[in-house]
Amino acid sequence: MNSENLKRILMSVILSSLAPSLAMAADLENGERIFSANCSACHAGGNNVIIPEKTLKKDVLEANGMNSVNAITYQVTNGKNAMPAFGGRLDDSDIEDVANYVLSQSEKGWD
């Protein structure tokens, strides 16, 4: 592998690692609106009224392998157990926005 290919690979890795952070900042307001309209009945304040131990708090998301936009997006899209699937109800971009919002709020402690 020559140095030019190595530079391209490194640049791709760096840019792809920055992309989620850039997207997260741009979409939080819409994510909050989507969350308020579709999720807050069960998850207000990052809680869970159906299964109280499965909150949206940072430590619980980490313990359950749900501390990434991809993991949250997958669950919102497909549902799980008592949580309904929103894949047929919300646009993909809205689901990604709400996943970014949930992850952002978990980092802030849902304040």
N, C-alpha and C. Protein backbone atom coordinates (compact mmCIF):
# COMPACT_ATOMS: atom_id res chain seq x y z
N MET A 1 0.85 -1.18 0.00
CA MET A 1 0.00 0.00 0.00
C MET A 1 0.90 1.23 0.00
N ASN A 2 0.65 2.14 -0.93
CA ASN A 2 1.48 3.34 -0.98
C ASN A 2 0.95 4.41 -0.03
N SER A 3 1.75 5.45 0.17
CA SER A 3 1.39 6.48 1.14
C SER A 3 0.14 7.26 0.74
N GLU A 4 -0.12 7.41 -0.55
CA GLU A 4 -1.33 8.12 -1.00
C GLU A 4 -2.59 7.35 -0.63
N ASN A 5 -2.59 6.05 -0.81
CA ASN A 5 -3.74 5.22 -0.41
C ASN A 5 -3.93 5.26 1.10
N LEU A 6 -2.85 5.20 1.84
CA LEU A 6 -2.93 5.26 3.29
C LEU A 6 -3.53 6.59 3.74
N LYS A 7 -3.14 7.69 3.10
CA LYS A 7 -3.71 9.01 3.42
C LYS A 7 -5.20 9.03 3.17
N ARG A 8 -5.63 8.46 2.04
CA ARG A 8 -7.07 8.42 1.71
C ARG A 8 -7.85 7.61 2.74
N ILE A 9 -7.30 6.48 3.13
CA ILE A 9 -7.97 5.63 4.13
C ILE A 9 -8.07 6.37 5.46
N LEU A 10 -6.99 6.97 5.90
CA LEU A 10 -7.02 7.71 7.16
C LEU A 10 -8.01 8.86 7.11
N MET A 11 -8.05 9.58 6.01
CA MET A 11 -8.98 10.69 5.88
C MET A 11 -10.43 10.19 5.92
N SER A 12 -10.71 9.06 5.30
CA SER A 12 -12.06 8.48 5.33
C SER A 12 -12.46 8.12 6.75
N VAL A 13 -11.54 7.52 7.48
CA VAL A 13 -11.82 7.14 8.86
C VAL A 13 -12.09 8.37 9.71
N ILE A 14 -11.27 9.38 9.56
CA ILE A 14 -11.45 10.61 10.34
C ILE A 14 -12.77 11.27 10.01
N LEU A 15 -13.09 11.41 8.73
CA LEU A 15 -14.35 12.06 8.34
C LEU A 15 -15.56 11.27 8.79
N SER A 16 -15.51 9.96 8.68
CA SER A 16 -16.67 9.16 9.09
C SER A 16 -16.86 9.19 10.59
N SER A 17 -15.79 9.36 11.35
CA SER A 17 -15.95 9.45 12.80
C SER A 17 -16.50 10.82 13.21
N LEU A 18 -16.27 11.84 12.41
CA LEU A 18 -16.80 13.17 12.70
C LEU A 18 -18.24 13.34 12.24
N ALA A 19 -18.66 12.62 11.24
CA ALA A 19 -19.99 12.79 10.64
C ALA A 19 -21.12 12.66 11.65
N PRO A 20 -21.13 11.64 12.53
CA PRO A 20 -22.25 11.56 13.48
C PRO A 20 -22.36 12.78 14.37
N SER A 21 -21.23 13.35 14.81
CA SER A 21 -21.27 14.54 15.65
C SER A 21 -21.83 15.73 14.90
N LEU A 22 -21.46 15.87 13.64
CA LEU A 22 -21.96 16.98 12.84
C LEU A 22 -23.45 16.84 12.60
N ALA A 23 -23.91 15.64 12.30
CA ALA A 23 -25.34 15.42 12.07
C ALA A 23 -26.13 15.64 13.34
N MET A 24 -25.58 15.21 14.48
CA MET A 24 -26.28 15.32 15.74
C MET A 24 -26.60 16.78 16.05
N ALA A 25 -25.64 17.66 15.88
CA ALA A 25 -25.85 19.07 16.21
C ALA A 25 -26.91 19.70 15.32
N ALA A 26 -26.98 19.30 14.08
CA ALA A 26 -27.89 19.92 13.13
C ALA A 26 -29.34 19.48 13.30
N ASP A 27 -29.59 18.32 13.91
CA ASP A 27 -30.92 17.74 13.91
C ASP A 27 -31.60 17.67 15.28
N LEU A 28 -31.00 18.22 16.30
CA LEU A 28 -31.54 18.05 17.65
C LEU A 28 -32.91 18.70 17.86
N GLU A 29 -33.14 19.84 17.26
CA GLU A 29 -34.44 20.49 17.45
C GLU A 29 -35.57 19.65 16.86
N ASN A 30 -35.37 19.13 15.67
CA ASN A 30 -36.39 18.26 15.07
C ASN A 30 -36.51 16.98 15.89
N GLY A 31 -35.39 16.44 16.35
CA GLY A 31 -35.43 15.24 17.19
C GLY A 31 -36.24 15.45 18.45
N GLU A 32 -36.10 16.62 19.05
CA GLU A 32 -36.88 16.94 20.24
C GLU A 32 -38.38 16.99 19.93
N ARG A 33 -38.72 17.59 18.79
CA ARG A 33 -40.14 17.65 18.38
C ARG A 33 -40.70 16.24 18.15
N ILE A 34 -39.94 15.42 17.44
CA ILE A 34 -40.38 14.05 17.17
C ILE A 34 -40.53 13.27 18.48
N PHE A 35 -39.55 13.42 19.37
CA PHE A 35 -39.60 12.73 20.66
C PHE A 35 -40.84 13.16 21.45
N SER A 36 -41.08 14.47 21.53
CA SER A 36 -42.23 14.98 22.28
C SER A 36 -43.55 14.45 21.73
N ALA A 37 -43.64 14.35 20.41
CA ALA A 37 -44.89 13.92 19.78
C ALA A 37 -45.09 12.41 19.81
N ASN A 38 -44.00 11.63 19.84
CA ASN A 38 -44.14 10.18 19.65
C ASN A 38 -43.60 9.33 20.78
N CYS A 39 -42.72 9.85 21.59
CA CYS A 39 -41.99 9.01 22.55
C CYS A 39 -42.23 9.40 24.01
N SER A 40 -42.56 10.66 24.24
CA SER A 40 -42.58 11.16 25.62
C SER A 40 -43.67 10.54 26.49
N ALA A 41 -44.70 9.98 25.90
CA ALA A 41 -45.73 9.34 26.72
C ALA A 41 -45.14 8.20 27.57
N CYS A 42 -44.19 7.48 27.01
CA CYS A 42 -43.53 6.40 27.74
C CYS A 42 -42.15 6.78 28.26
N HIS A 43 -41.50 7.74 27.60
CA HIS A 43 -40.09 8.02 27.89
C HIS A 43 -39.82 9.45 28.36
N ALA A 44 -40.79 10.13 28.93
CA ALA A 44 -40.57 11.50 29.39
C ALA A 44 -39.40 11.55 30.36
N GLY A 45 -38.54 12.53 30.15
CA GLY A 45 -37.39 12.70 31.03
C GLY A 45 -36.37 11.58 30.95
N GLY A 46 -36.46 10.77 29.90
CA GLY A 46 -35.54 9.65 29.75
C GLY A 46 -35.93 8.42 30.54
N ASN A 47 -37.13 8.44 31.10
CA ASN A 47 -37.61 7.31 31.89
C ASN A 47 -38.31 6.29 31.00
N ASN A 48 -38.85 5.25 31.60
CA ASN A 48 -39.60 4.22 30.88
C ASN A 48 -40.75 3.79 31.78
N VAL A 49 -41.97 4.16 31.43
CA VAL A 49 -43.12 3.83 32.28
C VAL A 49 -43.55 2.38 32.13
N ILE A 50 -43.14 1.70 31.06
CA ILE A 50 -43.53 0.31 30.84
C ILE A 50 -42.56 -0.65 31.53
N ILE A 51 -41.27 -0.46 31.30
CA ILE A 51 -40.22 -1.28 31.93
C ILE A 51 -39.26 -0.31 32.62
N PRO A 52 -39.53 0.03 33.88
CA PRO A 52 -38.80 1.10 34.57
C PRO A 52 -37.28 0.97 34.57
N GLU A 53 -36.77 -0.23 34.53
CA GLU A 53 -35.31 -0.40 34.56
C GLU A 53 -34.66 -0.16 33.20
N LYS A 54 -35.44 -0.06 32.13
CA LYS A 54 -34.90 0.17 30.78
C LYS A 54 -35.12 1.63 30.38
N THR A 55 -34.42 2.51 31.09
CA THR A 55 -34.56 3.94 30.81
C THR A 55 -33.67 4.34 29.64
N LEU A 56 -33.72 5.60 29.32
CA LEU A 56 -32.88 6.18 28.28
C LEU A 56 -31.71 6.95 28.90
N LYS A 57 -31.38 6.61 30.13
CA LYS A 57 -30.25 7.23 30.82
C LYS A 57 -28.95 6.63 30.29
N LYS A 58 -27.90 7.42 30.34
CA LYS A 58 -26.61 7.06 29.74
C LYS A 58 -26.11 5.70 30.20
N ASP A 59 -26.09 5.46 31.50
CA ASP A 59 -25.54 4.20 32.02
C ASP A 59 -26.37 3.00 31.58
N VAL A 60 -27.67 3.17 31.50
CA VAL A 60 -28.55 2.07 31.09
C VAL A 60 -28.40 1.81 29.58
N LEU A 61 -28.34 2.87 28.79
CA LEU A 61 -28.11 2.69 27.36
C LEU A 61 -26.79 1.96 27.12
N GLU A 62 -25.74 2.35 27.84
CA GLU A 62 -24.44 1.67 27.69
C GLU A 62 -24.54 0.20 28.09
N ALA A 63 -25.17 -0.07 29.21
CA ALA A 63 -25.29 -1.45 29.69
C ALA A 63 -26.06 -2.34 28.73
N ASN A 64 -26.99 -1.75 27.98
CA ASN A 64 -27.82 -2.51 27.05
C ASN A 64 -27.34 -2.42 25.60
N GLY A 65 -26.16 -1.86 25.39
CA GLY A 65 -25.63 -1.75 24.03
C GLY A 65 -26.43 -0.82 23.14
N MET A 66 -27.09 0.16 23.74
CA MET A 66 -27.94 1.09 22.99
C MET A 66 -27.37 2.50 22.98
N ASN A 67 -26.08 2.64 23.20
CA ASN A 67 -25.46 3.96 23.32
C ASN A 67 -24.83 4.43 22.01
N SER A 68 -25.55 4.22 20.91
CA SER A 68 -25.11 4.74 19.61
C SER A 68 -26.34 5.13 18.80
N VAL A 69 -26.14 6.04 17.88
CA VAL A 69 -27.24 6.46 17.01
C VAL A 69 -27.75 5.27 16.22
N ASN A 70 -26.86 4.42 15.74
CA ASN A 70 -27.29 3.25 14.95
C ASN A 70 -28.16 2.31 15.77
N ALA A 71 -27.78 2.03 17.00
CA ALA A 71 -28.57 1.12 17.84
C ALA A 71 -29.94 1.70 18.15
N ILE A 72 -29.98 2.97 18.49
CA ILE A 72 -31.26 3.61 18.80
C ILE A 72 -32.13 3.69 17.55
N THR A 73 -31.53 4.06 16.44
CA THR A 73 -32.28 4.12 15.17
C THR A 73 -32.89 2.77 14.84
N TYR A 74 -32.12 1.71 15.02
CA TYR A 74 -32.63 0.36 14.73
C TYR A 74 -33.84 0.04 15.60
N GLN A 75 -33.75 0.33 16.90
CA GLN A 75 -34.85 0.01 17.79
C GLN A 75 -36.08 0.86 17.52
N VAL A 76 -35.89 2.15 17.25
CA VAL A 76 -37.03 3.01 16.94
C VAL A 76 -37.70 2.54 15.65
N THR A 77 -36.91 2.16 14.67
CA THR A 77 -37.44 1.72 13.38
C THR A 77 -38.21 0.41 13.52
N ASN A 78 -37.65 -0.54 14.25
CA ASN A 78 -38.19 -1.91 14.30
C ASN A 78 -38.99 -2.24 15.55
N GLY A 79 -38.87 -1.43 16.59
CA GLY A 79 -39.54 -1.73 17.84
C GLY A 79 -38.90 -2.91 18.54
N LYS A 80 -39.35 -3.17 19.76
CA LYS A 80 -38.86 -4.33 20.52
C LYS A 80 -39.75 -4.49 21.74
N ASN A 81 -40.19 -5.70 21.98
CA ASN A 81 -41.07 -6.00 23.11
C ASN A 81 -42.29 -5.08 23.07
N ALA A 82 -42.51 -4.30 24.12
CA ALA A 82 -43.70 -3.44 24.18
C ALA A 82 -43.56 -2.17 23.34
N MET A 83 -42.34 -1.87 22.90
CA MET A 83 -42.14 -0.65 22.10
C MET A 83 -42.55 -0.92 20.65
N PRO A 84 -43.46 -0.10 20.13
CA PRO A 84 -43.88 -0.30 18.74
C PRO A 84 -42.80 0.15 17.75
N ALA A 85 -42.89 -0.37 16.55
CA ALA A 85 -42.00 0.05 15.47
C ALA A 85 -42.51 1.36 14.89
N PHE A 86 -41.61 2.29 14.67
CA PHE A 86 -41.97 3.57 14.07
C PHE A 86 -41.50 3.68 12.63
N GLY A 87 -40.93 2.60 12.10
CA GLY A 87 -40.42 2.60 10.74
C GLY A 87 -41.48 2.93 9.70
N GLY A 88 -42.71 2.53 9.90
CA GLY A 88 -43.77 2.82 8.96
C GLY A 88 -44.49 4.13 9.23
N ARG A 89 -44.19 4.73 10.39
CA ARG A 89 -44.89 5.95 10.79
C ARG A 89 -44.06 7.22 10.62
N LEU A 90 -42.74 7.08 10.78
CA LEU A 90 -41.85 8.24 10.70
C LEU A 90 -40.88 8.08 9.53
N ASP A 91 -40.48 9.19 8.95
CA ASP A 91 -39.45 9.17 7.91
C ASP A 91 -38.12 8.74 8.53
N ASP A 92 -37.25 8.16 7.71
CA ASP A 92 -35.93 7.75 8.18
C ASP A 92 -35.18 8.92 8.80
N SER A 93 -35.28 10.09 8.19
CA SER A 93 -34.55 11.25 8.72
C SER A 93 -35.09 11.67 10.08
N ASP A 94 -36.39 11.54 10.31
CA ASP A 94 -36.97 11.86 11.62
C ASP A 94 -36.52 10.86 12.67
N ILE A 95 -36.43 9.59 12.29
CA ILE A 95 -35.96 8.57 13.22
C ILE A 95 -34.50 8.83 13.59
N GLU A 96 -33.70 9.19 12.61
CA GLU A 96 -32.30 9.52 12.90
C GLU A 96 -32.20 10.75 13.80
N ASP A 97 -33.05 11.73 13.56
CA ASP A 97 -33.05 12.93 14.40
C ASP A 97 -33.41 12.59 15.84
N VAL A 98 -34.43 11.77 16.03
CA VAL A 98 -34.83 11.43 17.39
C VAL A 98 -33.76 10.57 18.07
N ALA A 99 -33.08 9.72 17.33
CA ALA A 99 -31.99 8.92 17.89
C ALA A 99 -30.86 9.84 18.35
N ASN A 100 -30.52 10.82 17.54
CA ASN A 100 -29.50 11.80 17.94
C ASN A 100 -29.93 12.58 19.17
N TYR A 101 -31.19 12.95 19.22
CA TYR A 101 -31.71 13.69 20.38
C TYR A 101 -31.62 12.84 21.64
N VAL A 102 -32.05 11.59 21.58
CA VAL A 102 -32.00 10.69 22.74
C VAL A 102 -30.56 10.54 23.23
N LEU A 103 -29.65 10.29 22.32
CA LEU A 103 -28.25 10.12 22.71
C LEU A 103 -27.70 11.41 23.33
N SER A 104 -28.03 12.55 22.74
CA SER A 104 -27.59 13.83 23.26
C SER A 104 -28.14 14.07 24.67
N GLN A 105 -29.42 13.80 24.85
CA GLN A 105 -30.04 14.00 26.17
C GLN A 105 -29.45 13.05 27.20
N SER A 106 -29.15 11.84 26.80
CA SER A 106 -28.56 10.88 27.76
C SER A 106 -27.20 11.39 28.22
N GLU A 107 -26.46 12.03 27.34
CA GLU A 107 -25.15 12.59 27.71
C GLU A 107 -25.31 13.75 28.69
N LYS A 108 -26.41 14.48 28.59
CA LYS A 108 -26.67 15.63 29.46
C LYS A 108 -27.42 15.26 30.74
N GLY A 109 -27.79 14.01 30.88
CA GLY A 109 -28.56 13.60 32.05
C GLY A 109 -30.03 13.97 31.99
N TRP A 110 -30.53 14.22 30.77
CA TRP A 110 -31.94 14.57 30.53
C TRP A 110 -32.36 15.83 31.29
N ASP A 111 -31.43 16.78 31.43
CA ASP A 111 -31.76 18.06 32.08
C ASP A 111 -32.42 19.01 31.13
